[in-house]
Amino acid sequence: MAKAANERLRARRLLLDALKMPETLPALSLADWELLLRVARRARVLGRLESALHHAGLLGDIPPRAAAHLRAARNVIAHRKTLISWEVNRLLWALKGIDAPLILLKGTAYLLADLPPARGRIFADVDLLVPEDRVMEIEERLVERSWFKTEIDPYDDRYYRVWMHEIPPLRHRERGTEIDIHHRLLPKTSHLASDPAPLFAAARPLADPRLHVLAPADMILHALVHLFLEGDPDEGLRLRDLVDVHDLLCHHAQEPAFWASLVPRARALGFQRPLFYGLHHAHQLFGTPIPPDVLRELEDAAPAWPIR
């Protein structure tokens, strides 16, 4: 039992060090590489390691078999990027003539906005935020254009539509890709307020003016809300999602007003507790640089009991 616990600690340390300091990877032993590849694949960050090594010019300095695993991950990700980009193209074709704001969320937003989390990230489906009063119109149009409603129990379908933040997924008949249509960030049953109106007001347009992504602070807050409030409890803290948050924080920190606006925005949306947890874990695990005054501003959002 002690041996298994030690192995888990070793695996955790290997993975965190690899994500924080990819320049140290060429020095790993073959045994360490074997363990690292297993845990990185399980945590869905294999592509992220490949991207970091590729940009550092170090892929040629690691064992060839390890490099082969990483290149295979890159090929899978490149294929998924092509699929998702085409799905967005077809989505716009299907919704032509419907004048409703369309905000891309999560991985699709990172990809289309060319943000750092898109590097080495697996893309599963298209997530879209639309006004609640336009959901039915958009759903009906997509069904007319070869998407179909996934079969679920009538009770569950009604629960989705009355209480959740999204409708049941739509799947394309030929491509098999899915679109998740959201109208808010959290279910209506959530104890946190989730008014989507401020998100639409602050959204930023992409190259195609029909598409938008969330403003920087909103994008990070959504990533944290998804991480802490929407995930499967059995998965624990999903490392890949926290890596996304780290990358977003480091990227958007380059904008002059970003840090000054982050905490006030979290308070306005009611998301200060997820922000506290997110900044704490990002700093603890990845050394994400966070201004001390931002942490002080969030002290009243801390839980009653200390966290590790």
C-alpha atoms as a PDB file:
ATOM      1  CA  MET A   1       0.000   0.000   0.000  1.00  0.00           C
ATOM      2  CA  ALA A   2       2.820   2.395   0.882  1.00  0.00           C
ATOM      3  CA  LYS A   3       4.549   1.481  -2.376  1.00  0.00           C
ATOM      4  CA  ALA A   4       1.423   2.333  -4.391  1.00  0.00           C
ATOM      5  CA  ALA A   5       1.077   5.663  -2.573  1.00  0.00           C
ATOM      6  CA  ASN A   6       4.707   6.502  -3.281  1.00  0.00           C
ATOM      7  CA  GLU A   7       4.220   5.639  -6.953  1.00  0.00           C
ATOM      8  CA  ARG A   8       1.219   7.977  -7.139  1.00  0.00           C
ATOM      9  CA  LEU A   9       3.223  10.789  -5.562  1.00  0.00           C
ATOM     10  CA  ARG A  10       6.077  10.159  -7.991  1.00  0.00           C
ATOM     11  CA  ALA A  11       3.688  10.206 -10.944  1.00  0.00           C
ATOM     12  CA  ARG A  12       2.086  13.439  -9.735  1.00  0.00           C
ATOM     13  CA  ARG A  13       5.442  15.131  -9.288  1.00  0.00           C
ATOM     14  CA  LEU A  14       6.684  13.922 -12.678  1.00  0.00           C
ATOM     15  CA  LEU A  15       3.639  15.319 -14.448  1.00  0.00           C
ATOM     16  CA  LEU A  16       3.625  18.682 -12.680  1.00  0.00           C
ATOM     17  CA  ASP A  17       7.363  19.156 -13.227  1.00  0.00           C
ATOM     18  CA  ALA A  18       6.970  18.231 -16.893  1.00  0.00           C
ATOM     19  CA  LEU A  19       4.233  20.828 -17.376  1.00  0.00           C
ATOM     20  CA  LYS A  20       6.086  23.541 -15.459  1.00  0.00           C
ATOM     21  CA  MET A  21       9.618  22.830 -16.683  1.00  0.00           C
ATOM     22  CA  PRO A  22       9.563  20.994 -20.034  1.00  0.00           C
ATOM     23  CA  GLU A  23      13.241  21.874 -20.484  1.00  0.00           C
ATOM     24  CA  THR A  24      14.071  19.216 -17.875  1.00  0.00           C
ATOM     25  CA  LEU A  25      12.427  16.383 -19.829  1.00  0.00           C
ATOM     26  CA  PRO A  26      15.485  15.359 -21.906  1.00  0.00           C
ATOM     27  CA  ALA A  27      17.174  14.311 -18.634  1.00  0.00           C
ATOM     28  CA  LEU A  28      14.443  11.820 -17.656  1.00  0.00           C
ATOM     29  CA  SER A  29      15.226   8.111 -17.471  1.00  0.00           C
ATOM     30  CA  LEU A  30      13.324   5.602 -19.610  1.00  0.00           C
ATOM     31  CA  ALA A  31      11.437   4.423 -16.508  1.00  0.00           C
ATOM     32  CA  ASP A  32      10.357   7.998 -15.775  1.00  0.00           C
ATOM     33  CA  TRP A  33       9.247   8.462 -19.372  1.00  0.00           C
ATOM     34  CA  GLU A  34       7.169   5.293 -19.239  1.00  0.00           C
ATOM     35  CA  LEU A  35       5.337   6.565 -16.161  1.00  0.00           C
ATOM     36  CA  LEU A  36       5.040  10.135 -17.446  1.00  0.00           C
ATOM     37  CA  LEU A  37       3.460   9.075 -20.733  1.00  0.00           C
ATOM     38  CA  ARG A  38       0.860   6.993 -18.898  1.00  0.00           C
ATOM     39  CA  VAL A  39      -0.191   9.715 -16.475  1.00  0.00           C
ATOM     40  CA  ALA A  40      -0.091  12.457 -19.125  1.00  0.00           C
ATOM     41  CA  ARG A  41      -2.376  10.436 -21.392  1.00  0.00           C
ATOM     42  CA  ARG A  42      -4.771   9.785 -18.519  1.00  0.00           C
ATOM     43  CA  ALA A  43      -4.812  13.504 -17.640  1.00  0.00           C
ATOM     44  CA  ARG A  44      -5.289  14.386 -21.329  1.00  0.00           C
ATOM     45  CA  VAL A  45      -2.208  16.610 -21.484  1.00  0.00           C
ATOM     46  CA  LEU A  46      -0.024  14.469 -23.755  1.00  0.00           C
ATOM     47  CA  GLY A  47      -0.483  16.951 -26.589  1.00  0.00           C
ATOM     48  CA  ARG A  48       0.373  19.818 -24.269  1.00  0.00           C
ATOM     49  CA  LEU A  49       3.739  18.192 -23.465  1.00  0.00           C
ATOM     50  CA  GLU A  50       4.417  17.682 -27.177  1.00  0.00           C
ATOM     51  CA  SER A  51       3.605  21.314 -27.901  1.00  0.00           C
ATOM     52  CA  ALA A  52       5.908  22.579 -25.132  1.00  0.00           C
ATOM     53  CA  LEU A  53       8.801  20.400 -26.302  1.00  0.00           C
ATOM     54  CA  HIS A  54       8.206  21.279 -29.954  1.00  0.00           C
ATOM     55  CA  HIS A  55       8.277  25.026 -29.280  1.00  0.00           C
ATOM     56  CA  ALA A  56      11.427  24.609 -27.176  1.00  0.00           C
ATOM     57  CA  GLY A  57      13.102  22.611 -29.960  1.00  0.00           C
ATOM     58  CA  LEU A  58      13.631  19.639 -27.634  1.00  0.00           C
ATOM     59  CA  LEU A  59      11.683  16.834 -29.326  1.00  0.00           C
ATOM     60  CA  GLY A  60      14.905  15.499 -30.813  1.00  0.00           C
ATOM     61  CA  ASP A  61      16.522  15.336 -27.372  1.00  0.00           C
ATOM     62  CA  ILE A  62      14.136  12.848 -25.779  1.00  0.00           C
ATOM     63  CA  PRO A  63      14.000   9.045 -26.280  1.00  0.00           C
ATOM     64  CA  PRO A  64      12.687   8.218 -29.794  1.00  0.00           C
ATOM     65  CA  ARG A  65       9.869   6.013 -28.492  1.00  0.00           C
ATOM     66  CA  ALA A  66       8.649   8.773 -26.176  1.00  0.00           C
ATOM     67  CA  ALA A  67       8.814  11.249 -29.057  1.00  0.00           C
ATOM     68  CA  ALA A  68       6.738   8.857 -31.185  1.00  0.00           C
ATOM     69  CA  HIS A  69       3.947   8.860 -28.567  1.00  0.00           C
ATOM     70  CA  LEU A  70       3.998  12.657 -28.444  1.00  0.00           C
ATOM     71  CA  ARG A  71       3.939  13.025 -32.236  1.00  0.00           C
ATOM     72  CA  ALA A  72       1.005  10.623 -32.407  1.00  0.00           C
ATOM     73  CA  ALA A  73      -0.839  12.836 -29.914  1.00  0.00           C
ATOM     74  CA  ARG A  74      -0.057  15.865 -32.101  1.00  0.00           C
ATOM     75  CA  ASN A  75      -1.517  14.104 -35.161  1.00  0.00           C
ATOM     76  CA  VAL A  76      -4.724  13.254 -33.307  1.00  0.00           C
ATOM     77  CA  ILE A  77      -5.069  16.861 -32.156  1.00  0.00           C
ATOM     78  CA  ALA A  78      -4.430  18.238 -35.654  1.00  0.00           C
ATOM     79  CA  HIS A  79      -7.193  15.978 -36.982  1.00  0.00           C
ATOM     80  CA  ARG A  80      -9.612  17.113 -34.274  1.00  0.00           C
ATOM     81  CA  LYS A  81      -8.801  20.770 -34.984  1.00  0.00           C
ATOM     82  CA  THR A  82      -9.714  20.230 -38.628  1.00  0.00           C
ATOM     83  CA  LEU A  83     -12.981  18.535 -37.655  1.00  0.00           C
ATOM     84  CA  ILE A  84     -13.993  21.263 -35.211  1.00  0.00           C
ATOM     85  CA  SER A  85     -13.064  24.104 -37.585  1.00  0.00           C
ATOM     86  CA  TRP A  86     -15.182  22.502 -40.305  1.00  0.00           C
ATOM     87  CA  GLU A  87     -18.043  21.961 -37.855  1.00  0.00           C
ATOM     88  CA  VAL A  88     -18.062  25.676 -37.017  1.00  0.00           C
ATOM     89  CA  ASN A  89     -18.065  26.445 -40.748  1.00  0.00           C
ATOM     90  CA  ARG A  90     -21.103  24.176 -41.226  1.00  0.00           C
ATOM     91  CA  LEU A  91     -22.774  25.663 -38.166  1.00  0.00           C
ATOM     92  CA  LEU A  92     -22.562  29.139 -39.681  1.00  0.00           C
ATOM     93  CA  TRP A  93     -23.917  27.789 -42.972  1.00  0.00           C
ATOM     94  CA  ALA A  94     -26.839  26.160 -41.181  1.00  0.00           C
ATOM     95  CA  LEU A  95     -27.685  29.295 -39.189  1.00  0.00           C
ATOM     96  CA  LYS A  96     -27.417  31.707 -42.120  1.00  0.00           C
ATOM     97  CA  GLY A  97     -30.166  34.315 -41.871  1.00  0.00           C
ATOM     98  CA  ILE A  98     -30.656  33.893 -38.114  1.00  0.00           C
ATOM     99  CA  ASP A  99     -29.527  37.147 -36.558  1.00  0.00           C
ATOM    100  CA  ALA A 100     -28.639  35.954 -33.061  1.00  0.00           C
ATOM    101  CA  PRO A 101     -25.409  36.468 -31.107  1.00  0.00           C
ATOM    102  CA  LEU A 102     -23.264  33.314 -31.158  1.00  0.00           C
ATOM    103  CA  ILE A 103     -20.542  32.963 -28.514  1.00  0.00           C
ATOM    104  CA  LEU A 104     -18.113  30.059 -28.807  1.00  0.00           C
ATOM    105  CA  LEU A 105     -17.106  28.485 -25.496  1.00  0.00           C
ATOM    106  CA  LYS A 106     -14.219  26.417 -24.103  1.00  0.00           C
ATOM    107  CA  GLY A 107     -12.006  24.523 -26.551  1.00  0.00           C
ATOM    108  CA  THR A 108     -13.768  25.803 -29.666  1.00  0.00           C
ATOM    109  CA  ALA A 109     -13.260  29.387 -28.478  1.00  0.00           C
ATOM    110  CA  TYR A 110      -9.575  28.765 -27.752  1.00  0.00           C
ATOM    111  CA  LEU A 111      -9.107  27.308 -31.230  1.00  0.00           C
ATOM    112  CA  LEU A 112     -10.943  29.971 -33.229  1.00  0.00           C
ATOM    113  CA  ALA A 113      -9.436  32.836 -31.191  1.00  0.00           C
ATOM    114  CA  ASP A 114      -5.959  31.264 -31.509  1.00  0.00           C
ATOM    115  CA  LEU A 115      -5.371  31.297 -27.746  1.00  0.00           C
ATOM    116  CA  PRO A 116      -2.561  29.387 -25.968  1.00  0.00           C
ATOM    117  CA  PRO A 117      -4.815  26.661 -24.468  1.00  0.00           C
ATOM    118  CA  ALA A 118      -5.513  25.463 -28.017  1.00  0.00           C
ATOM    119  CA  ARG A 119      -1.924  24.204 -28.235  1.00  0.00           C
ATOM    120  CA  GLY A 120      -1.929  20.481 -27.705  1.00  0.00           C
ATOM    121  CA  ARG A 121      -5.550  20.315 -26.556  1.00  0.00           C
ATOM    122  CA  ILE A 122      -7.994  17.586 -27.553  1.00  0.00           C
ATOM    123  CA  PHE A 123     -11.240  19.036 -28.928  1.00  0.00           C
ATOM    124  CA  ALA A 124     -14.381  16.995 -28.352  1.00  0.00           C
ATOM    125  CA  ASP A 125     -17.328  19.065 -29.594  1.00  0.00           C
ATOM    126  CA  VAL A 126     -18.588  22.578 -30.312  1.00  0.00           C
ATOM    127  CA  ASP A 127     -19.918  24.572 -27.354  1.00  0.00           C
ATOM    128  CA  LEU A 128     -22.110  27.540 -28.185  1.00  0.00           C
ATOM    129  CA  LEU A 129     -23.744  30.197 -25.984  1.00  0.00           C
ATOM    130  CA  VAL A 130     -26.888  31.828 -27.378  1.00  0.00           C
ATOM    131  CA  PRO A 131     -29.730  33.888 -25.858  1.00  0.00           C
ATOM    132  CA  GLU A 132     -32.298  31.659 -24.179  1.00  0.00           C
ATOM    133  CA  ASP A 133     -35.162  33.085 -26.229  1.00  0.00           C
ATOM    134  CA  ARG A 134     -33.385  32.013 -29.456  1.00  0.00           C
ATOM    135  CA  VAL A 135     -32.564  28.441 -28.426  1.00  0.00           C
ATOM    136  CA  MET A 136     -35.664  26.854 -29.967  1.00  0.00           C
ATOM    137  CA  GLU A 137     -35.212  28.680 -33.280  1.00  0.00           C
ATOM    138  CA  ILE A 138     -31.548  27.658 -33.508  1.00  0.00           C
ATOM    139  CA  GLU A 139     -32.267  24.071 -32.495  1.00  0.00           C
ATOM    140  CA  GLU A 140     -35.029  23.722 -35.099  1.00  0.00           C
ATOM    141  CA  ARG A 141     -32.788  25.119 -37.837  1.00  0.00           C
ATOM    142  CA  LEU A 142     -29.980  22.712 -37.001  1.00  0.00           C
ATOM    143  CA  VAL A 143     -32.388  19.766 -36.984  1.00  0.00           C
ATOM    144  CA  GLU A 144     -33.527  20.843 -40.466  1.00  0.00           C
ATOM    145  CA  ARG A 145     -29.864  20.824 -41.563  1.00  0.00           C
ATOM    146  CA  SER A 146     -29.030  17.208 -40.586  1.00  0.00           C
ATOM    147  CA  TRP A 147     -28.309  17.464 -36.869  1.00  0.00           C
ATOM    148  CA  PHE A 148     -30.502  15.302 -34.669  1.00  0.00           C
ATOM    149  CA  LYS A 149     -31.471  15.268 -31.008  1.00  0.00           C
ATOM    150  CA  THR A 150     -29.739  12.585 -28.980  1.00  0.00           C
ATOM    151  CA  GLU A 151     -32.256  10.137 -27.558  1.00  0.00           C
ATOM    152  CA  ILE A 152     -32.863  10.583 -23.852  1.00  0.00           C
ATOM    153  CA  ASP A 153     -35.690   9.843 -21.445  1.00  0.00           C
ATOM    154  CA  PRO A 154     -38.610  12.350 -21.785  1.00  0.00           C
ATOM    155  CA  TYR A 155     -38.253  13.266 -18.116  1.00  0.00           C
ATOM    156  CA  ASP A 156     -34.552  14.032 -18.578  1.00  0.00           C
ATOM    157  CA  ASP A 157     -35.286  16.023 -21.731  1.00  0.00           C
ATOM    158  CA  ARG A 158     -37.794  18.187 -19.878  1.00  0.00           C
ATOM    159  CA  TYR A 159     -35.419  18.621 -16.938  1.00  0.00           C
ATOM    160  CA  TYR A 160     -32.726  19.824 -19.340  1.00  0.00           C
ATOM    161  CA  ARG A 161     -35.014  22.386 -20.903  1.00  0.00           C
ATOM    162  CA  VAL A 162     -36.572  23.701 -17.699  1.00  0.00           C
ATOM    163  CA  TRP A 163     -33.701  23.661 -15.217  1.00  0.00           C
ATOM    164  CA  MET A 164     -30.351  23.239 -16.963  1.00  0.00           C
ATOM    165  CA  HIS A 165     -28.026  25.738 -18.647  1.00  0.00           C
ATOM    166  CA  GLU A 166     -28.089  23.877 -21.975  1.00  0.00           C
ATOM    167  CA  ILE A 167     -30.309  21.663 -24.073  1.00  0.00           C
ATOM    168  CA  PRO A 168     -29.492  18.010 -24.855  1.00  0.00           C
ATOM    169  CA  PRO A 169     -26.609  17.710 -27.364  1.00  0.00           C
ATOM    170  CA  LEU A 170     -27.265  17.717 -31.103  1.00  0.00           C
ATOM    171  CA  ARG A 171     -25.299  15.260 -33.262  1.00  0.00           C
ATOM    172  CA  HIS A 172     -24.690  15.466 -36.996  1.00  0.00           C
ATOM    173  CA  ARG A 173     -26.089  12.499 -38.926  1.00  0.00           C
ATOM    174  CA  GLU A 174     -23.034  12.006 -41.146  1.00  0.00           C
ATOM    175  CA  ARG A 175     -20.062  13.446 -39.267  1.00  0.00           C
ATOM    176  CA  GLY A 176     -21.090  12.315 -35.789  1.00  0.00           C
ATOM    177  CA  THR A 177     -19.829  15.570 -34.267  1.00  0.00           C
ATOM    178  CA  GLU A 178     -21.819  17.177 -31.454  1.00  0.00           C
ATOM    179  CA  ILE A 179     -22.965  20.709 -30.724  1.00  0.00           C
ATOM    180  CA  ASP A 180     -23.824  21.733 -27.162  1.00  0.00           C
ATOM    181  CA  ILE A 181     -26.118  24.760 -27.115  1.00  0.00           C
ATOM    182  CA  HIS A 182     -25.908  26.724 -23.859  1.00  0.00           C
ATOM    183  CA  HIS A 183     -27.987  29.715 -22.803  1.00  0.00           C
ATOM    184  CA  ARG A 184     -26.161  30.371 -19.503  1.00  0.00           C
ATOM    185  CA  LEU A 185     -23.023  29.149 -17.734  1.00  0.00           C
ATOM    186  CA  LEU A 186     -24.643  27.253 -14.857  1.00  0.00           C
ATOM    187  CA  PRO A 187     -27.920  25.394 -14.314  1.00  0.00           C
ATOM    188  CA  LYS A 188     -30.842  27.438 -13.057  1.00  0.00           C
ATOM    189  CA  THR A 189     -30.749  25.288  -9.918  1.00  0.00           C
ATOM    190  CA  SER A 190     -27.205  26.429  -9.046  1.00  0.00           C
ATOM    191  CA  HIS A 191     -26.698  28.415  -5.848  1.00  0.00           C
ATOM    192  CA  LEU A 192     -24.529  30.838  -7.849  1.00  0.00           C
ATOM    193  CA  ALA A 193     -26.157  33.546  -9.922  1.00  0.00           C
ATOM    194  CA  SER A 194     -25.574  33.071 -13.633  1.00  0.00           C
ATOM    195  CA  ASP A 195     -27.120  35.977 -15.532  1.00  0.00           C
ATOM    196  CA  PRO A 196     -25.808  35.663 -19.112  1.00  0.00           C
ATOM    197  CA  ALA A 197     -26.673  39.233 -20.168  1.00  0.00           C
ATOM    198  CA  PRO A 198     -23.320  40.760 -19.047  1.00  0.00           C
ATOM    199  CA  LEU A 199     -21.465  38.026 -20.952  1.00  0.00           C
ATOM    200  CA  PHE A 200     -23.160  38.932 -24.231  1.00  0.00           C
ATOM    201  CA  ALA A 201     -22.572  42.636 -23.616  1.00  0.00           C
ATOM    202  CA  ALA A 202     -18.805  42.172 -23.148  1.00  0.00           C
ATOM    203  CA  ALA A 203     -18.185  39.435 -25.754  1.00  0.00           C
ATOM    204  CA  ARG A 204     -15.460  40.037 -28.334  1.00  0.00           C
ATOM    205  CA  PRO A 205     -15.963  39.439 -32.074  1.00  0.00           C
ATOM    206  CA  LEU A 206     -13.775  37.072 -34.081  1.00  0.00           C
ATOM    207  CA  ALA A 207     -12.608  37.518 -37.671  1.00  0.00           C
ATOM    208  CA  ASP A 208     -16.054  36.380 -38.790  1.00  0.00           C
ATOM    209  CA  PRO A 209     -18.311  38.992 -37.113  1.00  0.00           C
ATOM    210  CA  ARG A 210     -21.073  36.419 -36.639  1.00  0.00           C
ATOM    211  CA  LEU A 211     -18.922  34.674 -34.035  1.00  0.00           C
ATOM    212  CA  HIS A 212     -17.789  35.936 -30.646  1.00  0.00           C
ATOM    213  CA  VAL A 213     -15.822  34.691 -27.670  1.00  0.00           C
ATOM    214  CA  LEU A 214     -16.152  35.706 -24.038  1.00  0.00           C
ATOM    215  CA  ALA A 215     -14.140  38.676 -22.788  1.00  0.00           C
ATOM    216  CA  PRO A 216     -10.828  37.648 -21.134  1.00  0.00           C
ATOM    217  CA  ALA A 217     -12.044  37.811 -17.519  1.00  0.00           C
ATOM    218  CA  ASP A 218     -15.314  36.068 -18.416  1.00  0.00           C
ATOM    219  CA  MET A 219     -13.451  33.331 -20.293  1.00  0.00           C
ATOM    220  CA  ILE A 220     -11.307  32.560 -17.247  1.00  0.00           C
ATOM    221  CA  LEU A 221     -14.279  32.667 -14.890  1.00  0.00           C
ATOM    222  CA  HIS A 222     -16.204  30.284 -17.132  1.00  0.00           C
ATOM    223  CA  ALA A 223     -13.241  27.892 -17.235  1.00  0.00           C
ATOM    224  CA  LEU A 224     -13.149  27.925 -13.426  1.00  0.00           C
ATOM    225  CA  VAL A 225     -16.898  27.515 -13.016  1.00  0.00           C
ATOM    226  CA  HIS A 226     -16.745  24.556 -15.400  1.00  0.00           C
ATOM    227  CA  LEU A 227     -13.770  23.099 -13.530  1.00  0.00           C
ATOM    228  CA  PHE A 228     -15.148  23.356  -9.999  1.00  0.00           C
ATOM    229  CA  LEU A 229     -18.921  23.169 -10.438  1.00  0.00           C
ATOM    230  CA  GLU A 230     -19.683  21.107 -13.543  1.00  0.00           C
ATOM    231  CA  GLY A 231     -17.199  18.236 -13.564  1.00  0.00           C
ATOM    232  CA  ASP A 232     -17.562  14.614 -12.535  1.00  0.00           C
ATOM    233  CA  PRO A 233     -16.669  14.404  -8.794  1.00  0.00           C
ATOM    234  CA  ASP A 234     -14.945  11.072  -9.465  1.00  0.00           C
ATOM    235  CA  GLU A 235     -12.404  12.846 -11.688  1.00  0.00           C
ATOM    236  CA  GLY A 236     -11.185  15.061  -8.858  1.00  0.00           C
ATOM    237  CA  LEU A 237      -9.361  18.240  -9.877  1.00  0.00           C
ATOM    238  CA  ARG A 238      -9.102  17.997 -13.674  1.00  0.00           C
ATOM    239  CA  LEU A 239      -5.532  18.948 -14.425  1.00  0.00           C
ATOM    240  CA  ARG A 240      -6.104  19.687 -18.092  1.00  0.00           C
ATOM    241  CA  ASP A 241      -8.719  22.333 -17.283  1.00  0.00           C
ATOM    242  CA  LEU A 242      -6.408  23.933 -14.730  1.00  0.00           C
ATOM    243  CA  VAL A 243      -3.642  24.005 -17.357  1.00  0.00           C
ATOM    244  CA  ASP A 244      -6.101  25.921 -19.570  1.00  0.00           C
ATOM    245  CA  VAL A 245      -6.640  28.427 -16.758  1.00  0.00           C
ATOM    246  CA  HIS A 246      -2.885  28.827 -16.239  1.00  0.00           C
ATOM    247  CA  ASP A 247      -2.367  29.468 -19.961  1.00  0.00           C
ATOM    248  CA  LEU A 248      -5.240  31.964 -20.100  1.00  0.00           C
ATOM    249  CA  LEU A 249      -3.999  33.866 -17.048  1.00  0.00           C
ATOM    250  CA  CYS A 250      -0.464  34.123 -18.437  1.00  0.00           C
ATOM    251  CA  HIS A 251      -1.765  35.221 -21.843  1.00  0.00           C
ATOM    252  CA  HIS A 252      -4.358  37.788 -20.749  1.00  0.00           C
ATOM    253  CA  ALA A 253      -2.057  39.206 -18.057  1.00  0.00           C
ATOM    254  CA  GLN A 254      -0.353  41.028 -20.935  1.00  0.00           C
ATOM    255  CA  GLU A 255      -3.418  43.263 -21.269  1.00  0.00           C
ATOM    256  CA  PRO A 256      -2.914  46.386 -19.096  1.00  0.00           C
ATOM    257  CA  ALA A 257      -6.301  46.381 -17.329  1.00  0.00           C
ATOM    258  CA  PHE A 258      -6.728  42.617 -17.006  1.00  0.00           C
ATOM    259  CA  TRP A 259      -5.735  42.041 -13.368  1.00  0.00           C
ATOM    260  CA  ALA A 260      -7.521  45.186 -12.189  1.00  0.00           C
ATOM    261  CA  SER A 261     -10.771  43.994 -13.774  1.00  0.00           C
ATOM    262  CA  LEU A 262     -10.689  40.292 -12.858  1.00  0.00           C
ATOM    263  CA  VAL A 263     -11.861  40.368  -9.223  1.00  0.00           C
ATOM    264  CA  PRO A 264     -14.538  43.069  -9.737  1.00  0.00           C
ATOM    265  CA  ARG A 265     -15.896  41.046 -12.656  1.00  0.00           C
ATOM    266  CA  ALA A 266     -15.977  37.894 -10.529  1.00  0.00           C
ATOM    267  CA  ARG A 267     -17.935  39.747  -7.840  1.00  0.00           C
ATOM    268  CA  ALA A 268     -20.365  41.176 -10.387  1.00  0.00           C
ATOM    269  CA  LEU A 269     -21.081  37.680 -11.735  1.00  0.00           C
ATOM    270  CA  GLY A 270     -21.057  35.995  -8.311  1.00  0.00           C
ATOM    271  CA  PHE A 271     -18.030  33.826  -9.139  1.00  0.00           C
ATOM    272  CA  GLN A 272     -15.493  35.061  -6.568  1.00  0.00           C
ATOM    273  CA  ARG A 273     -15.219  31.689  -4.755  1.00  0.00           C
ATOM    274  CA  PRO A 274     -14.358  29.714  -7.945  1.00  0.00           C
ATOM    275  CA  LEU A 275     -11.850  32.461  -8.779  1.00  0.00           C
ATOM    276  CA  PHE A 276     -10.249  32.143  -5.349  1.00  0.00           C
ATOM    277  CA  TYR A 277      -9.879  28.383  -5.750  1.00  0.00           C
ATOM    278  CA  GLY A 278      -8.607  28.713  -9.308  1.00  0.00           C
ATOM    279  CA  LEU A 279      -5.902  31.258  -8.518  1.00  0.00           C
ATOM    280  CA  HIS A 280      -4.853  29.278  -5.447  1.00  0.00           C
ATOM    281  CA  HIS A 281      -4.464  25.986  -7.305  1.00  0.00           C
ATOM    282  CA  ALA A 282      -2.858  27.526 -10.407  1.00  0.00           C
ATOM    283  CA  HIS A 283      -0.263  29.260  -8.251  1.00  0.00           C
ATOM    284  CA  GLN A 284       0.335  26.195  -6.065  1.00  0.00           C
ATOM    285  CA  LEU A 285       0.645  23.670  -8.892  1.00  0.00           C
ATOM    286  CA  PHE A 286       2.115  25.680 -11.773  1.00  0.00           C
ATOM    287  CA  GLY A 287       3.613  28.746 -10.138  1.00  0.00           C
ATOM    288  CA  THR A 288       1.251  30.990 -12.106  1.00  0.00           C
ATOM    289  CA  PRO A 289       2.346  34.582 -11.396  1.00  0.00           C
ATOM    290  CA  ILE A 290      -0.509  36.405  -9.642  1.00  0.00           C
ATOM    291  CA  PRO A 291      -0.170  39.962  -8.294  1.00  0.00           C
ATOM    292  CA  PRO A 292      -0.300  40.029  -4.447  1.00  0.00           C
ATOM    293  CA  ASP A 293      -2.951  42.759  -4.443  1.00  0.00           C
ATOM    294  CA  VAL A 294      -5.269  40.482  -6.457  1.00  0.00           C
ATOM    295  CA  LEU A 295      -4.894  37.731  -3.859  1.00  0.00           C
ATOM    296  CA  ARG A 296      -5.533  40.228  -1.045  1.00  0.00           C
ATOM    297  CA  GLU A 297      -8.652  41.458  -2.814  1.00  0.00           C
ATOM    298  CA  LEU A 298      -9.976  37.883  -2.797  1.00  0.00           C
ATOM    299  CA  GLU A 299      -9.304  37.127   0.882  1.00  0.00           C
ATOM    300  CA  ASP A 300     -12.972  37.495   1.811  1.00  0.00           C
ATOM    301  CA  ALA A 301     -13.852  34.830  -0.793  1.00  0.00           C
ATOM    302  CA  ALA A 302     -11.698  32.205   0.941  1.00  0.00           C
ATOM    303  CA  PRO A 303     -13.444  29.225   2.578  1.00  0.00           C
ATOM    304  CA  ALA A 304     -13.808  29.084   6.351  1.00  0.00           C
ATOM    305  CA  TRP A 305     -11.341  26.183   6.528  1.00  0.00           C
ATOM    306  CA  PRO A 306      -7.896  26.402   4.931  1.00  0.00           C
ATOM    307  CA  ILE A 307      -7.236  24.445   1.736  1.00  0.00           C
ATOM    308  CA  ARG A 308      -4.104  22.568   0.760  1.00  0.00           C
END
